[in-house]
Amino acid sequence: ADLVTPGSYIVATDGIMFDLADVPRGAAEWASDN
């Protein structure tokens, strides 16, 4: 994070895991582990 320039971003991708905990290829722990 300390490399990120003011006005720029650090992007933590694939947070959609929180909403995939109950789909067939998902995992229950993803509800919080994401």
PDB file of all heavy atoms in Angstrom:
ATOM      1  N   ALA A   1       0.811  -1.221   0.000  1.00  0.00           N
ATOM      2  CA  ALA A   1       0.000   0.000   0.000  1.00  0.00           C
ATOM      3  C   ALA A   1       0.844   1.271   0.000  1.00  0.00           C
ATOM      4  O   ALA A   1       0.446   2.286  -0.580  1.00  0.00           O
ATOM      5  CB  ALA A   1      -0.957   0.008   1.185  1.00  0.00           C
ATOM      6  N   ASP A   2       2.035   1.207   0.628  1.00  0.00           N
ATOM      7  CA  ASP A   2       2.846   2.426   0.680  1.00  0.00           C
ATOM      8  C   ASP A   2       3.428   2.808  -0.675  1.00  0.00           C
ATOM      9  O   ASP A   2       3.932   3.924  -0.856  1.00  0.00           O
ATOM     10  CB  ASP A   2       3.958   2.294   1.726  1.00  0.00           C
ATOM     11  CG  ASP A   2       4.959   1.197   1.385  1.00  0.00           C
ATOM     12  OD1 ASP A   2       4.616   0.287   0.606  1.00  0.00           O
ATOM     13  OD2 ASP A   2       6.093   1.244   1.908  1.00  0.00           O
ATOM     14  N   LEU A   3       3.341   1.909  -1.660  1.00  0.00           N
ATOM     15  CA  LEU A   3       3.794   2.234  -3.012  1.00  0.00           C
ATOM     16  C   LEU A   3       2.755   3.036  -3.794  1.00  0.00           C
ATOM     17  O   LEU A   3       3.088   3.684  -4.786  1.00  0.00           O
ATOM     18  CB  LEU A   3       4.100   0.953  -3.798  1.00  0.00           C
ATOM     19  CG  LEU A   3       5.402   0.214  -3.507  1.00  0.00           C
ATOM     20  CD1 LEU A   3       5.470  -1.057  -4.352  1.00  0.00           C
ATOM     21  CD2 LEU A   3       6.611   1.095  -3.788  1.00  0.00           C
ATOM     22  N   VAL A   4       1.495   2.962  -3.352  1.00  0.00           N
ATOM     23  CA  VAL A   4       0.407   3.572  -4.115  1.00  0.00           C
ATOM     24  C   VAL A   4       0.501   5.086  -4.053  1.00  0.00           C
ATOM     25  O   VAL A   4       0.648   5.681  -2.983  1.00  0.00           O
ATOM     26  CB  VAL A   4      -0.965   3.104  -3.587  1.00  0.00           C
ATOM     27  CG1 VAL A   4      -2.099   3.760  -4.370  1.00  0.00           C
ATOM     28  CG2 VAL A   4      -1.073   1.594  -3.653  1.00  0.00           C
ATOM     29  N   THR A   5       0.397   5.708  -5.209  1.00  0.00           N
ATOM     30  CA  THR A   5       0.460   7.158  -5.317  1.00  0.00           C
ATOM     31  C   THR A   5      -0.858   7.781  -4.848  1.00  0.00           C
ATOM     32  O   THR A   5      -1.936   7.239  -5.124  1.00  0.00           O
ATOM     33  CB  THR A   5       0.691   7.559  -6.782  1.00  0.00           C
ATOM     34  OG1 THR A   5       1.735   6.745  -7.335  1.00  0.00           O
ATOM     35  CG2 THR A   5       1.059   9.019  -6.909  1.00  0.00           C
ATOM     36  N   PRO A   6      -0.829   8.915  -4.135  1.00  0.00           N
ATOM     37  CA  PRO A   6      -2.080   9.610  -3.816  1.00  0.00           C
ATOM     38  C   PRO A   6      -2.904   9.844  -5.090  1.00  0.00           C
ATOM     39  O   PRO A   6      -2.380  10.267  -6.119  1.00  0.00           O
ATOM     40  CB  PRO A   6      -1.595  10.924  -3.204  1.00  0.00           C
ATOM     41  CG  PRO A   6      -0.281  10.563  -2.572  1.00  0.00           C
ATOM     42  CD  PRO A   6       0.346   9.575  -3.517  1.00  0.00           C
ATOM     43  N   GLY A   7      -4.182   9.523  -5.000  1.00  0.00           N
ATOM     44  CA  GLY A   7      -5.066   9.631  -6.154  1.00  0.00           C
ATOM     45  C   GLY A   7      -5.160   8.355  -6.963  1.00  0.00           C
ATOM     46  O   GLY A   7      -6.023   8.220  -7.826  1.00  0.00           O
ATOM     47  N   SER A   8      -4.269   7.389  -6.677  1.00  0.00           N
ATOM     48  CA  SER A   8      -4.300   6.098  -7.359  1.00  0.00           C
ATOM     49  C   SER A   8      -4.908   5.049  -6.437  1.00  0.00           C
ATOM     50  O   SER A   8      -5.421   5.371  -5.362  1.00  0.00           O
ATOM     51  CB  SER A   8      -2.887   5.709  -7.800  1.00  0.00           C
ATOM     52  OG  SER A   8      -2.919   4.523  -8.600  1.00  0.00           O
ATOM     53  N   TYR A   9      -4.837   3.774  -6.857  1.00  0.00           N
ATOM     54  CA  TYR A   9      -5.577   2.711  -6.180  1.00  0.00           C
ATOM     55  C   TYR A   9      -4.720   1.474  -5.947  1.00  0.00           C
ATOM     56  O   TYR A   9      -3.794   1.181  -6.710  1.00  0.00           O
ATOM     57  CB  TYR A   9      -6.782   2.273  -7.025  1.00  0.00           C
ATOM     58  CG  TYR A   9      -7.791   3.350  -7.297  1.00  0.00           C
ATOM     59  CD1 TYR A   9      -7.612   4.235  -8.362  1.00  0.00           C
ATOM     60  CD2 TYR A   9      -8.932   3.493  -6.508  1.00  0.00           C
ATOM     61  CE1 TYR A   9      -8.543   5.229  -8.636  1.00  0.00           C
ATOM     62  CE2 TYR A   9      -9.874   4.476  -6.775  1.00  0.00           C
ATOM     63  CZ  TYR A   9      -9.675   5.341  -7.836  1.00  0.00           C
ATOM     64  OH  TYR A   9     -10.603   6.308  -8.094  1.00  0.00           O
ATOM     65  N   ILE A  10      -5.086   0.714  -4.923  1.00  0.00           N
ATOM     66  CA  ILE A  10      -4.701  -0.682  -4.777  1.00  0.00           C
ATOM     67  C   ILE A  10      -6.007  -1.462  -4.776  1.00  0.00           C
ATOM     68  O   ILE A  10      -6.911  -1.166  -3.990  1.00  0.00           O
ATOM     69  CB  ILE A  10      -3.829  -0.936  -3.527  1.00  0.00           C
ATOM     70  CG1 ILE A  10      -3.388  -2.406  -3.473  1.00  0.00           C
ATOM     71  CG2 ILE A  10      -4.510  -0.513  -2.237  1.00  0.00           C
ATOM     72  CD1 ILE A  10      -2.254  -2.658  -2.472  1.00  0.00           C
ATOM     73  N   VAL A  11      -6.125  -2.426  -5.689  1.00  0.00           N
ATOM     74  CA  VAL A  11      -7.411  -3.063  -5.976  1.00  0.00           C
ATOM     75  C   VAL A  11      -7.375  -4.509  -5.507  1.00  0.00           C
ATOM     76  O   VAL A  11      -6.604  -5.321  -6.006  1.00  0.00           O
ATOM     77  CB  VAL A  11      -7.719  -3.012  -7.488  1.00  0.00           C
ATOM     78  CG1 VAL A  11      -9.142  -3.483  -7.753  1.00  0.00           C
ATOM     79  CG2 VAL A  11      -7.502  -1.597  -8.036  1.00  0.00           C
ATOM     80  N   ALA A  12      -8.228  -4.835  -4.539  1.00  0.00           N
ATOM     81  CA  ALA A  12      -8.322  -6.198  -4.005  1.00  0.00           C
ATOM     82  C   ALA A  12      -9.415  -6.938  -4.773  1.00  0.00           C
ATOM     83  O   ALA A  12     -10.597  -6.891  -4.407  1.00  0.00           O
ATOM     84  CB  ALA A  12      -8.628  -6.168  -2.508  1.00  0.00           C
ATOM     85  N   THR A  13      -9.035  -7.621  -5.832  1.00  0.00           N
ATOM     86  CA  THR A  13     -10.013  -8.206  -6.744  1.00  0.00           C
ATOM     87  C   THR A  13     -10.715  -9.435  -6.168  1.00  0.00           C
ATOM     88  O   THR A  13     -10.276 -10.031  -5.191  1.00  0.00           O
ATOM     89  CB  THR A  13      -9.347  -8.606  -8.076  1.00  0.00           C
ATOM     90  OG1 THR A  13      -8.490  -9.737  -7.853  1.00  0.00           O
ATOM     91  CG2 THR A  13      -8.538  -7.457  -8.648  1.00  0.00           C
ATOM     92  N   ASP A  14     -11.803  -9.794  -6.828  1.00  0.00           N
ATOM     93  CA  ASP A  14     -12.569 -11.016  -6.572  1.00  0.00           C
ATOM     94  C   ASP A  14     -13.235 -11.070  -5.203  1.00  0.00           C
ATOM     95  O   ASP A  14     -13.466 -12.151  -4.649  1.00  0.00           O
ATOM     96  CB  ASP A  14     -11.716 -12.261  -6.804  1.00  0.00           C
ATOM     97  CG  ASP A  14     -11.545 -12.556  -8.292  1.00  0.00           C
ATOM     98  OD1 ASP A  14     -12.325 -12.012  -9.089  1.00  0.00           O
ATOM     99  OD2 ASP A  14     -10.644 -13.319  -8.652  1.00  0.00           O
ATOM    100  N   GLY A  15     -13.621  -9.916  -4.682  1.00  0.00           N
ATOM    101  CA  GLY A  15     -14.415  -9.884  -3.462  1.00  0.00           C
ATOM    102  C   GLY A  15     -15.787 -10.509  -3.628  1.00  0.00           C
ATOM    103  O   GLY A  15     -16.482 -10.760  -2.639  1.00  0.00           O
ATOM    104  N   ILE A  16     -16.180 -10.794  -4.887  1.00  0.00           N
ATOM    105  CA  ILE A  16     -17.464 -11.448  -5.136  1.00  0.00           C
ATOM    106  C   ILE A  16     -17.564 -12.784  -4.414  1.00  0.00           C
ATOM    107  O   ILE A  16     -18.662 -13.327  -4.222  1.00  0.00           O
ATOM    108  CB  ILE A  16     -17.674 -11.651  -6.657  1.00  0.00           C
ATOM    109  CG1 ILE A  16     -19.120 -12.051  -6.990  1.00  0.00           C
ATOM    110  CG2 ILE A  16     -16.715 -12.681  -7.217  1.00  0.00           C
ATOM    111  CD1 ILE A  16     -20.149 -11.025  -6.638  1.00  0.00           C
ATOM    112  N   MET A  17     -16.438 -13.307  -3.955  1.00  0.00           N
ATOM    113  CA  MET A  17     -16.452 -14.573  -3.201  1.00  0.00           C
ATOM    114  C   MET A  17     -17.441 -14.536  -2.042  1.00  0.00           C
ATOM    115  O   MET A  17     -18.046 -15.558  -1.702  1.00  0.00           O
ATOM    116  CB  MET A  17     -15.051 -14.870  -2.676  1.00  0.00           C
ATOM    117  CG  MET A  17     -14.060 -15.320  -3.748  1.00  0.00           C
ATOM    118  SD  MET A  17     -12.351 -15.299  -3.145  1.00  0.00           S
ATOM    119  CE  MET A  17     -12.427 -16.468  -1.787  1.00  0.00           C
ATOM    120  N   PHE A  18     -17.648 -13.369  -1.444  1.00  0.00           N
ATOM    121  CA  PHE A  18     -18.566 -13.279  -0.303  1.00  0.00           C
ATOM    122  C   PHE A  18     -19.977 -13.685  -0.693  1.00  0.00           C
ATOM    123  O   PHE A  18     -20.767 -14.159   0.146  1.00  0.00           O
ATOM    124  CB  PHE A  18     -18.570 -11.866   0.284  1.00  0.00           C
ATOM    125  CG  PHE A  18     -19.637 -10.974  -0.292  1.00  0.00           C
ATOM    126  CD1 PHE A  18     -20.853 -10.806   0.342  1.00  0.00           C
ATOM    127  CD2 PHE A  18     -19.436 -10.310  -1.501  1.00  0.00           C
ATOM    128  CE1 PHE A  18     -21.858  -9.998  -0.194  1.00  0.00           C
ATOM    129  CE2 PHE A  18     -20.423  -9.500  -2.044  1.00  0.00           C
ATOM    130  CZ  PHE A  18     -21.637  -9.343  -1.394  1.00  0.00           C
ATOM    131  N   ASP A  19     -20.318 -13.512  -1.982  1.00  0.00           N
ATOM    132  CA  ASP A  19     -21.667 -13.803  -2.455  1.00  0.00           C
ATOM    133  C   ASP A  19     -21.731 -15.133  -3.198  1.00  0.00           C
ATOM    134  O   ASP A  19     -22.744 -15.440  -3.835  1.00  0.00           O
ATOM    135  CB  ASP A  19     -22.157 -12.675  -3.368  1.00  0.00           C
ATOM    136  CG  ASP A  19     -23.673 -12.620  -3.480  1.00  0.00           C
ATOM    137  OD1 ASP A  19     -24.356 -13.062  -2.541  1.00  0.00           O
ATOM    138  OD2 ASP A  19     -24.173 -12.116  -4.523  1.00  0.00           O
ATOM    139  N   LEU A  20     -20.660 -15.911  -3.130  1.00  0.00           N
ATOM    140  CA  LEU A  20     -20.617 -17.195  -3.825  1.00  0.00           C
ATOM    141  C   LEU A  20     -20.528 -18.369  -2.857  1.00  0.00           C
ATOM    142  O   LEU A  20     -20.331 -19.508  -3.275  1.00  0.00           O
ATOM    143  CB  LEU A  20     -19.407 -17.240  -4.773  1.00  0.00           C
ATOM    144  CG  LEU A  20     -19.373 -16.173  -5.869  1.00  0.00           C
ATOM    145  CD1 LEU A  20     -18.042 -16.231  -6.610  1.00  0.00           C
ATOM    146  CD2 LEU A  20     -20.537 -16.335  -6.838  1.00  0.00           C
ATOM    147  N   ALA A  21     -20.663 -18.089  -1.564  1.00  0.00           N
ATOM    148  CA  ALA A  21     -20.500 -19.138  -0.554  1.00  0.00           C
ATOM    149  C   ALA A  21     -21.518 -20.257  -0.711  1.00  0.00           C
ATOM    150  O   ALA A  21     -21.260 -21.399  -0.305  1.00  0.00           O
ATOM    151  CB  ALA A  21     -20.602 -18.532   0.843  1.00  0.00           C
ATOM    152  N   ASP A  22     -22.670 -19.965  -1.327  1.00  0.00           N
ATOM    153  CA  ASP A  22     -23.723 -20.973  -1.427  1.00  0.00           C
ATOM    154  C   ASP A  22     -23.917 -21.518  -2.832  1.00  0.00           C
ATOM    155  O   ASP A  22     -24.857 -22.270  -3.081  1.00  0.00           O
ATOM    156  CB  ASP A  22     -25.046 -20.395  -0.914  1.00  0.00           C
ATOM    157  CG  ASP A  22     -25.526 -19.197  -1.737  1.00  0.00           C
ATOM    158  OD1 ASP A  22     -24.704 -18.585  -2.450  1.00  0.00           O
ATOM    159  OD2 ASP A  22     -26.724 -18.862  -1.657  1.00  0.00           O
ATOM    160  N   VAL A  23     -23.042 -21.166  -3.779  1.00  0.00           N
ATOM    161  CA  VAL A  23     -23.169 -21.726  -5.126  1.00  0.00           C
ATOM    162  C   VAL A  23     -22.411 -23.047  -5.179  1.00  0.00           C
ATOM    163  O   VAL A  23     -21.534 -23.316  -4.344  1.00  0.00           O
ATOM    164  CB  VAL A  23     -22.668 -20.741  -6.206  1.00  0.00           C
ATOM    165  CG1 VAL A  23     -23.381 -19.405  -6.090  1.00  0.00           C
ATOM    166  CG2 VAL A  23     -21.157 -20.566  -6.142  1.00  0.00           C
ATOM    167  N   PRO A  24     -22.703 -23.921  -6.151  1.00  0.00           N
ATOM    168  CA  PRO A  24     -22.088 -25.254  -6.153  1.00  0.00           C
ATOM    169  C   PRO A  24     -20.564 -25.255  -6.137  1.00  0.00           C
ATOM    170  O   PRO A  24     -19.959 -26.090  -5.458  1.00  0.00           O
ATOM    171  CB  PRO A  24     -22.632 -25.872  -7.446  1.00  0.00           C
ATOM    172  CG  PRO A  24     -23.969 -25.233  -7.624  1.00  0.00           C
ATOM    173  CD  PRO A  24     -23.780 -23.815  -7.163  1.00  0.00           C
ATOM    174  N   ARG A  25     -19.912 -24.327  -6.825  1.00  0.00           N
ATOM    175  CA  ARG A  25     -18.454 -24.305  -6.856  1.00  0.00           C
ATOM    176  C   ARG A  25     -17.856 -23.406  -5.769  1.00  0.00           C
ATOM    177  O   ARG A  25     -16.643 -23.202  -5.731  1.00  0.00           O
ATOM    178  CB  ARG A  25     -17.941 -23.828  -8.224  1.00  0.00           C
ATOM    179  CG  ARG A  25     -18.174 -24.824  -9.363  1.00  0.00           C
ATOM    180  CD  ARG A  25     -17.578 -24.327 -10.680  1.00  0.00           C
ATOM    181  NE  ARG A  25     -16.170 -24.016 -10.528  1.00  0.00           N
ATOM    182  CZ  ARG A  25     -15.640 -22.797 -10.684  1.00  0.00           C
ATOM    183  NH1 ARG A  25     -16.415 -21.760 -10.992  1.00  0.00           N
ATOM    184  NH2 ARG A  25     -14.355 -22.599 -10.544  1.00  0.00           N
ATOM    185  N   GLY A  26     -18.693 -22.893  -4.894  1.00  0.00           N
ATOM    186  CA  GLY A  26     -18.218 -22.022  -3.827  1.00  0.00           C
ATOM    187  C   GLY A  26     -17.831 -22.797  -2.590  1.00  0.00           C
ATOM    188  O   GLY A  26     -17.757 -24.023  -2.578  1.00  0.00           O
ATOM    189  N   ALA A  27     -17.566 -22.045  -1.510  1.00  0.00           N
ATOM    190  CA  ALA A  27     -17.215 -22.649  -0.225  1.00  0.00           C
ATOM    191  C   ALA A  27     -17.827 -21.801   0.879  1.00  0.00           C
ATOM    192  O   ALA A  27     -17.806 -20.566   0.812  1.00  0.00           O
ATOM    193  CB  ALA A  27     -15.696 -22.722  -0.058  1.00  0.00           C
ATOM    194  N   ALA A  28     -18.358 -22.455   1.899  1.00  0.00           N
ATOM    195  CA  ALA A  28     -19.081 -21.754   2.963  1.00  0.00           C
ATOM    196  C   ALA A  28     -18.226 -20.693   3.644  1.00  0.00           C
ATOM    197  O   ALA A  28     -18.719 -19.621   4.001  1.00  0.00           O
ATOM    198  CB  ALA A  28     -19.591 -22.760   3.992  1.00  0.00           C
ATOM    199  N   GLU A  29     -16.923 -20.977   3.805  1.00  0.00           N
ATOM    200  CA  GLU A  29     -16.051 -20.030   4.507  1.00  0.00           C
ATOM    201  C   GLU A  29     -15.828 -18.737   3.738  1.00  0.00           C
ATOM    202  O   GLU A  29     -15.382 -17.739   4.299  1.00  0.00           O
ATOM    203  CB  GLU A  29     -14.710 -20.685   4.839  1.00  0.00           C
ATOM    204  CG  GLU A  29     -13.903 -21.148   3.650  1.00  0.00           C
ATOM    205  CD  GLU A  29     -14.159 -22.599   3.285  1.00  0.00           C
ATOM    206  OE1 GLU A  29     -15.251 -23.110   3.642  1.00  0.00           O
ATOM    207  OE2 GLU A  29     -13.283 -23.213   2.648  1.00  0.00           O
ATOM    208  N   TRP A  30     -16.149 -18.731   2.443  1.00  0.00           N
ATOM    209  CA  TRP A  30     -15.956 -17.508   1.664  1.00  0.00           C
ATOM    210  C   TRP A  30     -16.830 -16.359   2.148  1.00  0.00           C
ATOM    211  O   TRP A  30     -16.555 -15.192   1.832  1.00  0.00           O
ATOM    212  CB  TRP A  30     -16.260 -17.770   0.197  1.00  0.00           C
ATOM    213  CG  TRP A  30     -15.238 -18.624  -0.494  1.00  0.00           C
ATOM    214  CD1 TRP A  30     -14.104 -19.166   0.046  1.00  0.00           C
ATOM    215  CD2 TRP A  30     -15.275 -19.055  -1.852  1.00  0.00           C
ATOM    216  NE1 TRP A  30     -13.425 -19.908  -0.890  1.00  0.00           N
ATOM    217  CE2 TRP A  30     -14.122 -19.860  -2.070  1.00  0.00           C
ATOM    218  CE3 TRP A  30     -16.148 -18.851  -2.911  1.00  0.00           C
ATOM    219  CZ2 TRP A  30     -13.842 -20.450  -3.309  1.00  0.00           C
ATOM    220  CZ3 TRP A  30     -15.869 -19.438  -4.142  1.00  0.00           C
ATOM    221  CH2 TRP A  30     -14.730 -20.220  -4.334  1.00  0.00           C
ATOM    222  N   ALA A  31     -17.884 -16.656   2.880  1.00  0.00           N
ATOM    223  CA  ALA A  31     -18.759 -15.594   3.375  1.00  0.00           C
ATOM    224  C   ALA A  31     -17.987 -14.558   4.181  1.00  0.00           C
ATOM    225  O   ALA A  31     -18.339 -13.375   4.196  1.00  0.00           O
ATOM    226  CB  ALA A  31     -19.880 -16.188   4.224  1.00  0.00           C
ATOM    227  N   SER A  32     -16.908 -14.980   4.835  1.00  0.00           N
ATOM    228  CA  SER A  32     -16.088 -14.038   5.597  1.00  0.00           C
ATOM    229  C   SER A  32     -14.624 -14.045   5.156  1.00  0.00           C
ATOM    230  O   SER A  32     -13.911 -13.073   5.376  1.00  0.00           O
ATOM    231  CB  SER A  32     -16.158 -14.358   7.091  1.00  0.00           C
ATOM    232  OG  SER A  32     -15.741 -15.696   7.335  1.00  0.00           O
ATOM    233  N   ASP A  33     -14.179 -15.133   4.539  1.00  0.00           N
ATOM    234  CA  ASP A  33     -12.785 -15.257   4.111  1.00  0.00           C
ATOM    235  C   ASP A  33     -12.665 -14.832   2.658  1.00  0.00           C
ATOM    236  O   ASP A  33     -12.671 -15.660   1.745  1.00  0.00           O
ATOM    237  CB  ASP A  33     -12.325 -16.710   4.293  1.00  0.00           C
ATOM    238  CG  ASP A  33     -10.831 -16.878   4.035  1.00  0.00           C
ATOM    239  OD1 ASP A  33     -10.109 -15.870   3.993  1.00  0.00           O
ATOM    240  OD2 ASP A  33     -10.398 -18.038   3.867  1.00  0.00           O
ATOM    241  N   ASN A  34     -12.570 -13.536   2.441  1.00  0.00           N
ATOM    242  CA  ASN A  34     -12.585 -13.020   1.077  1.00  0.00           C
ATOM    243  C   ASN A  34     -11.878 -11.663   0.995  1.00  0.00           C
ATOM    244  O   ASN A  34     -11.680 -10.990   2.017  1.00  0.00           O
ATOM    245  CB  ASN A  34     -14.026 -12.915   0.570  1.00  0.00           C
ATOM    246  CG  ASN A  34     -14.851 -11.930   1.372  1.00  0.00           C
ATOM    247  OD1 ASN A  34     -14.634 -10.723   1.300  1.00  0.00           O
ATOM    248  ND2 ASN A  34     -15.797 -12.437   2.173  1.00  0.00           N
TER     249      ASN A  34
END
